[in-house]
Amino acid sequence: MTQELGLLELVLGASLLVQIVMLILVLASITSWFLIIQRTMLMRRTDDELLSFEERFWSGIDLAQLYREGNQAVADGQLPTGVESIFRAGFKEFSRLSQQSDIDADGMLEGSRRAMKVALMRETDRIEQHLPFLASVGSTSPYIGLFGTVWGIMHSFRGLANATQATLATVAPGISEALIATAMGLFAAIPAVLAYNKLAARSDVLLNRYETFVDEFSGILQRQAYALRAQQGQRR
């Protein structure tokens, strides 16, 4: 209990600028932990959605039926995310282009791939959102804390100019106050760096699986496009 009161007294006894630095670091740490928890839950939910949709997609279900099921979810106010949004973008564009007789199979496939790439870019932004903030906290917090430490030590040594006798007991409290800023900077930076590395790696894995799905789905659409145009050519 004495240590906690001593630490609190050191923080309250620091200079105004050092206290501001400490406040910035505390806010950065709290925000980082909030984003770490929020991003971790998002990644976990996205993984589950990907596994569920891929199991449904490769179960042999008719793609039009799968798209209609998504329409019902959209009508209920549930916007598709993840790989489902990529599928819906590609299939919707493919269905629209297939009704235009002046577009060949390659044009249908290219249009569908463009639509899926746009949806993939949106998902990339959604998954990687706030990760730059964690990287910034991890890289700048130690320097912010070091700035507070340097300023506090300067303030402590300036106080020695008015002291008749410079002793360790005179300097130690001021230096202790200043070093707390460095400790707080490391406390904010270390979790942010570890979380950023882990979340960035998980996002790369997710996005690679999305790109793989785009290629696999494009192969399916290519076969359907050529078969559809061949049937239309026979009817003519």
C-alpha atoms as a PDB file:
ATOM      1  CA  MET A   1       0.000   0.000   0.000  1.00  0.00           C
ATOM      2  CA  THR A   2       2.877   2.335   0.787  1.00  0.00           C
ATOM      3  CA  GLN A   3       4.344   1.755  -2.673  1.00  0.00           C
ATOM      4  CA  GLU A   4       1.045   2.629  -4.343  1.00  0.00           C
ATOM      5  CA  LEU A   5       0.745   5.842  -2.368  1.00  0.00           C
ATOM      6  CA  GLY A   6       4.369   6.647  -3.103  1.00  0.00           C
ATOM      7  CA  LEU A   7       3.815   6.128  -6.825  1.00  0.00           C
ATOM      8  CA  LEU A   8       0.709   8.290  -6.772  1.00  0.00           C
ATOM      9  CA  GLU A   9       2.567  11.006  -4.921  1.00  0.00           C
ATOM     10  CA  LEU A  10       5.350  10.911  -7.496  1.00  0.00           C
ATOM     11  CA  VAL A  11       2.864  11.316 -10.344  1.00  0.00           C
ATOM     12  CA  LEU A  12       1.035  14.160  -8.627  1.00  0.00           C
ATOM     13  CA  GLY A  13       4.300  15.816  -7.700  1.00  0.00           C
ATOM     14  CA  ALA A  14       5.645  15.827 -11.273  1.00  0.00           C
ATOM     15  CA  SER A  15       5.767  19.000 -13.310  1.00  0.00           C
ATOM     16  CA  LEU A  16       2.794  19.996 -15.436  1.00  0.00           C
ATOM     17  CA  LEU A  17       4.409  19.010 -18.736  1.00  0.00           C
ATOM     18  CA  VAL A  18       5.398  15.582 -17.400  1.00  0.00           C
ATOM     19  CA  GLN A  19       1.852  15.064 -16.128  1.00  0.00           C
ATOM     20  CA  ILE A  20       0.511  15.927 -19.577  1.00  0.00           C
ATOM     21  CA  VAL A  21       2.888  13.378 -21.113  1.00  0.00           C
ATOM     22  CA  MET A  22       1.697  10.763 -18.626  1.00  0.00           C
ATOM     23  CA  LEU A  23      -1.937  11.547 -19.419  1.00  0.00           C
ATOM     24  CA  ILE A  24      -1.279  11.156 -23.148  1.00  0.00           C
ATOM     25  CA  LEU A  25       0.370   7.790 -22.544  1.00  0.00           C
ATOM     26  CA  VAL A  26      -2.478   6.599 -20.316  1.00  0.00           C
ATOM     27  CA  LEU A  27      -5.061   7.558 -22.952  1.00  0.00           C
ATOM     28  CA  ALA A  28      -2.991   5.884 -25.673  1.00  0.00           C
ATOM     29  CA  SER A  29      -2.721   2.717 -23.595  1.00  0.00           C
ATOM     30  CA  ILE A  30      -6.464   2.596 -22.832  1.00  0.00           C
ATOM     31  CA  THR A  31      -7.333   3.181 -26.492  1.00  0.00           C
ATOM     32  CA  SER A  32      -4.853   0.522 -27.578  1.00  0.00           C
ATOM     33  CA  TRP A  33      -6.329  -2.090 -25.260  1.00  0.00           C
ATOM     34  CA  PHE A  34      -9.833  -1.260 -26.485  1.00  0.00           C
ATOM     35  CA  LEU A  35      -8.747  -1.680 -30.113  1.00  0.00           C
ATOM     36  CA  ILE A  36      -6.814  -4.848 -29.331  1.00  0.00           C
ATOM     37  CA  ILE A  37      -9.905  -6.483 -27.835  1.00  0.00           C
ATOM     38  CA  GLN A  38     -12.190  -5.169 -30.573  1.00  0.00           C
ATOM     39  CA  ARG A  39      -9.879  -6.254 -33.414  1.00  0.00           C
ATOM     40  CA  THR A  40      -9.289  -9.678 -31.848  1.00  0.00           C
ATOM     41  CA  MET A  41     -13.034 -10.300 -31.620  1.00  0.00           C
ATOM     42  CA  LEU A  42     -13.452  -9.133 -35.225  1.00  0.00           C
ATOM     43  CA  MET A  43     -10.741 -11.484 -36.479  1.00  0.00           C
ATOM     44  CA  ARG A  44     -12.260 -14.407 -34.607  1.00  0.00           C
ATOM     45  CA  ARG A  45     -15.741 -13.652 -35.938  1.00  0.00           C
ATOM     46  CA  THR A  46     -14.393 -13.245 -39.470  1.00  0.00           C
ATOM     47  CA  ASP A  47     -12.610 -16.599 -39.265  1.00  0.00           C
ATOM     48  CA  ASP A  48     -15.824 -18.299 -38.184  1.00  0.00           C
ATOM     49  CA  GLU A  49     -17.803 -16.619 -40.980  1.00  0.00           C
ATOM     50  CA  LEU A  50     -15.214 -17.686 -43.548  1.00  0.00           C
ATOM     51  CA  LEU A  51     -15.273 -21.322 -42.452  1.00  0.00           C
ATOM     52  CA  SER A  52     -19.075 -21.367 -42.362  1.00  0.00           C
ATOM     53  CA  PHE A  53     -19.484 -19.808 -45.809  1.00  0.00           C
ATOM     54  CA  GLU A  54     -16.825 -21.969 -47.466  1.00  0.00           C
ATOM     55  CA  GLU A  55     -18.469 -25.090 -46.065  1.00  0.00           C
ATOM     56  CA  ARG A  56     -21.780 -23.924 -47.512  1.00  0.00           C
ATOM     57  CA  PHE A  57     -20.202 -22.850 -50.816  1.00  0.00           C
ATOM     58  CA  TRP A  58     -18.393 -26.134 -51.454  1.00  0.00           C
ATOM     59  CA  SER A  59     -21.308 -28.294 -50.310  1.00  0.00           C
ATOM     60  CA  GLY A  60     -22.652 -28.423 -53.881  1.00  0.00           C
ATOM     61  CA  ILE A  61     -25.431 -25.917 -53.377  1.00  0.00           C
ATOM     62  CA  ASP A  62     -26.672 -24.035 -56.397  1.00  0.00           C
ATOM     63  CA  LEU A  63     -24.922 -20.658 -56.511  1.00  0.00           C
ATOM     64  CA  ALA A  64     -28.145 -18.860 -57.394  1.00  0.00           C
ATOM     65  CA  GLN A  65     -29.787 -20.387 -54.329  1.00  0.00           C
ATOM     66  CA  LEU A  66     -26.845 -19.306 -52.173  1.00  0.00           C
ATOM     67  CA  TYR A  67     -27.186 -15.788 -53.552  1.00  0.00           C
ATOM     68  CA  ARG A  68     -30.927 -15.722 -52.852  1.00  0.00           C
ATOM     69  CA  GLU A  69     -30.312 -16.767 -49.258  1.00  0.00           C
ATOM     70  CA  GLY A  70     -28.004 -13.785 -48.949  1.00  0.00           C
ATOM     71  CA  ASN A  71     -30.728 -11.545 -50.360  1.00  0.00           C
ATOM     72  CA  GLN A  72     -33.032 -12.628 -47.575  1.00  0.00           C
ATOM     73  CA  ALA A  73     -30.381 -11.749 -45.007  1.00  0.00           C
ATOM     74  CA  VAL A  74     -29.911  -8.330 -46.625  1.00  0.00           C
ATOM     75  CA  ALA A  75     -33.670  -7.766 -46.539  1.00  0.00           C
ATOM     76  CA  ASP A  76     -33.561  -8.508 -42.812  1.00  0.00           C
ATOM     77  CA  GLY A  77     -30.962  -5.771 -42.352  1.00  0.00           C
ATOM     78  CA  GLN A  78     -27.870  -7.987 -42.133  1.00  0.00           C
ATOM     79  CA  LEU A  79     -25.224  -6.621 -44.466  1.00  0.00           C
ATOM     80  CA  PRO A  80     -22.875  -9.307 -45.825  1.00  0.00           C
ATOM     81  CA  THR A  81     -19.239  -9.138 -44.788  1.00  0.00           C
ATOM     82  CA  GLY A  82     -16.123 -11.125 -45.418  1.00  0.00           C
ATOM     83  CA  VAL A  83     -15.995 -13.686 -48.175  1.00  0.00           C
ATOM     84  CA  GLU A  84     -19.777 -13.603 -48.581  1.00  0.00           C
ATOM     85  CA  SER A  85     -19.648  -9.982 -49.706  1.00  0.00           C
ATOM     86  CA  ILE A  86     -17.008 -10.930 -52.285  1.00  0.00           C
ATOM     87  CA  PHE A  87     -19.159 -13.788 -53.547  1.00  0.00           C
ATOM     88  CA  ARG A  88     -22.254 -11.616 -53.792  1.00  0.00           C
ATOM     89  CA  ALA A  89     -20.405  -8.864 -55.665  1.00  0.00           C
ATOM     90  CA  GLY A  90     -18.998 -11.303 -58.215  1.00  0.00           C
ATOM     91  CA  PHE A  91     -22.201 -13.283 -58.720  1.00  0.00           C
ATOM     92  CA  LYS A  92     -24.349 -10.170 -59.015  1.00  0.00           C
ATOM     93  CA  GLU A  93     -22.107  -8.705 -61.713  1.00  0.00           C
ATOM     94  CA  PHE A  94     -21.933 -12.062 -63.495  1.00  0.00           C
ATOM     95  CA  SER A  95     -25.729 -12.353 -63.518  1.00  0.00           C
ATOM     96  CA  ARG A  96     -26.097  -8.818 -64.858  1.00  0.00           C
ATOM     97  CA  LEU A  97     -23.544  -9.288 -67.633  1.00  0.00           C
ATOM     98  CA  SER A  98     -24.914 -12.697 -68.629  1.00  0.00           C
ATOM     99  CA  GLN A  99     -28.185 -11.025 -69.650  1.00  0.00           C
ATOM    100  CA  GLN A 100     -26.349  -8.837 -72.165  1.00  0.00           C
ATOM    101  CA  SER A 101     -25.926 -10.792 -75.382  1.00  0.00           C
ATOM    102  CA  ASP A 102     -23.255  -8.449 -76.763  1.00  0.00           C
ATOM    103  CA  ILE A 103     -20.716  -9.388 -74.058  1.00  0.00           C
ATOM    104  CA  ASP A 104     -18.642 -12.525 -74.571  1.00  0.00           C
ATOM    105  CA  ALA A 105     -17.536 -14.998 -71.905  1.00  0.00           C
ATOM    106  CA  ASP A 106     -14.210 -13.257 -71.275  1.00  0.00           C
ATOM    107  CA  GLY A 107     -15.969  -9.931 -70.741  1.00  0.00           C
ATOM    108  CA  MET A 108     -18.348 -11.525 -68.254  1.00  0.00           C
ATOM    109  CA  LEU A 109     -15.468 -13.042 -66.328  1.00  0.00           C
ATOM    110  CA  GLU A 110     -13.461  -9.812 -66.345  1.00  0.00           C
ATOM    111  CA  GLY A 111     -16.407  -7.792 -65.077  1.00  0.00           C
ATOM    112  CA  SER A 112     -17.058 -10.272 -62.281  1.00  0.00           C
ATOM    113  CA  ARG A 113     -13.399 -10.235 -61.241  1.00  0.00           C
ATOM    114  CA  ARG A 114     -13.395  -6.436 -61.117  1.00  0.00           C
ATOM    115  CA  ALA A 115     -16.458  -6.458 -58.880  1.00  0.00           C
ATOM    116  CA  MET A 116     -14.844  -9.017 -56.567  1.00  0.00           C
ATOM    117  CA  LYS A 117     -11.613  -7.020 -56.432  1.00  0.00           C
ATOM    118  CA  VAL A 118     -13.549  -3.929 -55.333  1.00  0.00           C
ATOM    119  CA  ALA A 119     -15.294  -5.955 -52.621  1.00  0.00           C
ATOM    120  CA  LEU A 120     -11.925  -7.381 -51.594  1.00  0.00           C
ATOM    121  CA  MET A 121     -10.501  -3.885 -51.218  1.00  0.00           C
ATOM    122  CA  ARG A 122     -13.425  -2.938 -48.959  1.00  0.00           C
ATOM    123  CA  GLU A 123     -12.816  -6.008 -46.825  1.00  0.00           C
ATOM    124  CA  THR A 124      -9.117  -5.166 -46.647  1.00  0.00           C
ATOM    125  CA  ASP A 125      -9.949  -1.716 -45.308  1.00  0.00           C
ATOM    126  CA  ARG A 126     -12.382  -3.205 -42.788  1.00  0.00           C
ATOM    127  CA  ILE A 127      -9.953  -5.824 -41.496  1.00  0.00           C
ATOM    128  CA  GLU A 128      -6.902  -3.565 -41.348  1.00  0.00           C
ATOM    129  CA  GLN A 129      -8.774  -0.628 -39.815  1.00  0.00           C
ATOM    130  CA  HIS A 130      -7.093   0.830 -36.690  1.00  0.00           C
ATOM    131  CA  LEU A 131      -3.969  -1.299 -37.121  1.00  0.00           C
ATOM    132  CA  PRO A 132      -1.906   1.786 -38.069  1.00  0.00           C
ATOM    133  CA  PHE A 133      -2.927   3.341 -34.743  1.00  0.00           C
ATOM    134  CA  LEU A 134      -1.492   0.374 -32.839  1.00  0.00           C
ATOM    135  CA  ALA A 135       1.692   0.630 -34.866  1.00  0.00           C
ATOM    136  CA  SER A 136       1.942   4.339 -34.105  1.00  0.00           C
ATOM    137  CA  VAL A 137       1.431   3.797 -30.373  1.00  0.00           C
ATOM    138  CA  GLY A 138       4.024   1.038 -30.349  1.00  0.00           C
ATOM    139  CA  SER A 139       6.624   3.117 -32.157  1.00  0.00           C
ATOM    140  CA  THR A 140       6.091   6.554 -30.590  1.00  0.00           C
ATOM    141  CA  SER A 141       5.117   5.849 -26.962  1.00  0.00           C
ATOM    142  CA  PRO A 142       8.690   5.134 -25.778  1.00  0.00           C
ATOM    143  CA  TYR A 143       9.866   8.406 -27.288  1.00  0.00           C
ATOM    144  CA  ILE A 144       6.997  10.342 -25.739  1.00  0.00           C
ATOM    145  CA  GLY A 145       7.836   8.817 -22.365  1.00  0.00           C
ATOM    146  CA  LEU A 146      11.518   9.576 -22.889  1.00  0.00           C
ATOM    147  CA  PHE A 147      10.653  13.187 -23.644  1.00  0.00           C
ATOM    148  CA  GLY A 148       8.794  13.399 -20.341  1.00  0.00           C
ATOM    149  CA  THR A 149      11.766  11.829 -18.549  1.00  0.00           C
ATOM    150  CA  VAL A 150      14.282  14.219 -20.071  1.00  0.00           C
ATOM    151  CA  TRP A 151      12.090  17.188 -19.264  1.00  0.00           C
ATOM    152  CA  GLY A 152      11.570  15.992 -15.682  1.00  0.00           C
ATOM    153  CA  ILE A 153      15.292  15.489 -15.129  1.00  0.00           C
ATOM    154  CA  MET A 154      16.006  18.948 -16.523  1.00  0.00           C
ATOM    155  CA  HIS A 155      13.380  20.373 -14.181  1.00  0.00           C
ATOM    156  CA  SER A 156      14.931  18.499 -11.255  1.00  0.00           C
ATOM    157  CA  PHE A 157      18.436  19.745 -11.958  1.00  0.00           C
ATOM    158  CA  ARG A 158      17.206  23.304 -12.374  1.00  0.00           C
ATOM    159  CA  GLY A 159      15.837  23.047  -8.854  1.00  0.00           C
ATOM    160  CA  LEU A 160      19.343  22.323  -7.588  1.00  0.00           C
ATOM    161  CA  ALA A 161      20.417  25.843  -8.502  1.00  0.00           C
ATOM    162  CA  ASN A 162      18.524  27.168  -5.486  1.00  0.00           C
ATOM    163  CA  ALA A 163      19.699  24.412  -3.140  1.00  0.00           C
ATOM    164  CA  THR A 164      22.523  25.176  -0.737  1.00  0.00           C
ATOM    165  CA  GLN A 165      23.666  21.556  -0.712  1.00  0.00           C
ATOM    166  CA  ALA A 166      23.096  19.017  -3.495  1.00  0.00           C
ATOM    167  CA  THR A 167      22.495  15.548  -2.092  1.00  0.00           C
ATOM    168  CA  LEU A 168      21.011  12.344  -3.456  1.00  0.00           C
ATOM    169  CA  ALA A 169      17.907  12.864  -1.332  1.00  0.00           C
ATOM    170  CA  THR A 170      17.382  16.201  -3.031  1.00  0.00           C
ATOM    171  CA  VAL A 171      17.702  14.870  -6.600  1.00  0.00           C
ATOM    172  CA  ALA A 172      16.162  11.404  -6.241  1.00  0.00           C
ATOM    173  CA  PRO A 173      12.450  12.419  -6.030  1.00  0.00           C
ATOM    174  CA  GLY A 174      12.623  14.519  -9.179  1.00  0.00           C
ATOM    175  CA  ILE A 175      14.426  11.799 -11.123  1.00  0.00           C
ATOM    176  CA  SER A 176      11.940   9.195  -9.891  1.00  0.00           C
ATOM    177  CA  GLU A 177       9.053  11.344 -11.102  1.00  0.00           C
ATOM    178  CA  ALA A 178      10.703  11.672 -14.494  1.00  0.00           C
ATOM    179  CA  LEU A 179      11.449   7.958 -14.915  1.00  0.00           C
ATOM    180  CA  ILE A 180       7.773   7.093 -14.423  1.00  0.00           C
ATOM    181  CA  ALA A 181       7.091   8.670 -17.829  1.00  0.00           C
ATOM    182  CA  THR A 182       9.507   6.264 -19.512  1.00  0.00           C
ATOM    183  CA  ALA A 183       7.951   3.311 -17.706  1.00  0.00           C
ATOM    184  CA  MET A 184       4.479   4.386 -18.818  1.00  0.00           C
ATOM    185  CA  GLY A 185       5.700   4.779 -22.379  1.00  0.00           C
ATOM    186  CA  LEU A 186       6.995   1.202 -22.386  1.00  0.00           C
ATOM    187  CA  PHE A 187       3.779  -0.015 -20.755  1.00  0.00           C
ATOM    188  CA  ALA A 188       1.779   1.525 -23.605  1.00  0.00           C
ATOM    189  CA  ALA A 189       4.164   0.463 -26.375  1.00  0.00           C
ATOM    190  CA  ILE A 190       4.861  -3.205 -25.621  1.00  0.00           C
ATOM    191  CA  PRO A 191       1.242  -4.505 -25.792  1.00  0.00           C
ATOM    192  CA  ALA A 192       0.565  -2.361 -28.868  1.00  0.00           C
ATOM    193  CA  VAL A 193       3.579  -3.779 -30.725  1.00  0.00           C
ATOM    194  CA  LEU A 194       2.782  -7.390 -29.816  1.00  0.00           C
ATOM    195  CA  ALA A 195      -0.884  -6.976 -30.742  1.00  0.00           C
ATOM    196  CA  TYR A 196      -0.058  -5.233 -34.015  1.00  0.00           C
ATOM    197  CA  ASN A 197       2.290  -8.015 -35.114  1.00  0.00           C
ATOM    198  CA  LYS A 198      -0.253 -10.702 -34.264  1.00  0.00           C
ATOM    199  CA  LEU A 199      -3.238  -8.919 -35.820  1.00  0.00           C
ATOM    200  CA  ALA A 200      -1.287  -7.975 -38.948  1.00  0.00           C
ATOM    201  CA  ALA A 201      -0.260 -11.608 -39.434  1.00  0.00           C
ATOM    202  CA  ARG A 202      -3.856 -12.803 -38.991  1.00  0.00           C
ATOM    203  CA  SER A 203      -5.153 -10.181 -41.417  1.00  0.00           C
ATOM    204  CA  ASP A 204      -2.595 -11.281 -44.022  1.00  0.00           C
ATOM    205  CA  VAL A 205      -3.774 -14.881 -43.676  1.00  0.00           C
ATOM    206  CA  LEU A 206      -7.411 -13.835 -44.050  1.00  0.00           C
ATOM    207  CA  LEU A 207      -6.756 -11.670 -47.081  1.00  0.00           C
ATOM    208  CA  ASN A 208      -4.733 -14.427 -48.746  1.00  0.00           C
ATOM    209  CA  ARG A 209      -7.653 -16.795 -48.260  1.00  0.00           C
ATOM    210  CA  TYR A 210      -9.971 -14.179 -49.753  1.00  0.00           C
ATOM    211  CA  GLU A 211      -7.734 -13.869 -52.805  1.00  0.00           C
ATOM    212  CA  THR A 212      -7.661 -17.641 -53.130  1.00  0.00           C
ATOM    213  CA  PHE A 213     -11.459 -17.675 -53.065  1.00  0.00           C
ATOM    214  CA  VAL A 214     -11.571 -15.008 -55.786  1.00  0.00           C
ATOM    215  CA  ASP A 215      -9.384 -17.187 -58.016  1.00  0.00           C
ATOM    216  CA  GLU A 216     -11.394 -20.339 -57.300  1.00  0.00           C
ATOM    217  CA  PHE A 217     -14.720 -18.617 -57.831  1.00  0.00           C
ATOM    218  CA  SER A 218     -13.409 -17.034 -61.035  1.00  0.00           C
ATOM    219  CA  GLY A 219     -12.657 -20.514 -62.361  1.00  0.00           C
ATOM    220  CA  ILE A 220     -16.239 -21.590 -61.651  1.00  0.00           C
ATOM    221  CA  LEU A 221     -17.653 -18.475 -63.306  1.00  0.00           C
ATOM    222  CA  GLN A 222     -15.396 -18.984 -66.314  1.00  0.00           C
ATOM    223  CA  ARG A 223     -16.789 -22.457 -66.938  1.00  0.00           C
ATOM    224  CA  GLN A 224     -20.340 -21.201 -66.506  1.00  0.00           C
ATOM    225  CA  ALA A 225     -19.729 -18.238 -68.814  1.00  0.00           C
ATOM    226  CA  TYR A 226     -18.430 -20.372 -71.682  1.00  0.00           C
ATOM    227  CA  ALA A 227     -21.209 -22.922 -71.188  1.00  0.00           C
ATOM    228  CA  LEU A 228     -23.841 -20.184 -71.201  1.00  0.00           C
ATOM    229  CA  ARG A 229     -22.512 -18.547 -74.349  1.00  0.00           C
ATOM    230  CA  ALA A 230     -22.227 -21.950 -76.065  1.00  0.00           C
ATOM    231  CA  GLN A 231     -25.870 -22.694 -75.314  1.00  0.00           C
ATOM    232  CA  GLN A 232     -26.924 -19.276 -76.632  1.00  0.00           C
ATOM    233  CA  GLY A 233     -24.903 -19.881 -79.780  1.00  0.00           C
ATOM    234  CA  GLN A 234     -26.604 -23.206 -80.414  1.00  0.00           C
ATOM    235  CA  ARG A 235     -30.042 -21.663 -80.032  1.00  0.00           C
ATOM    236  CA  ARG A 236     -29.198 -19.119 -82.712  1.00  0.00           C
END
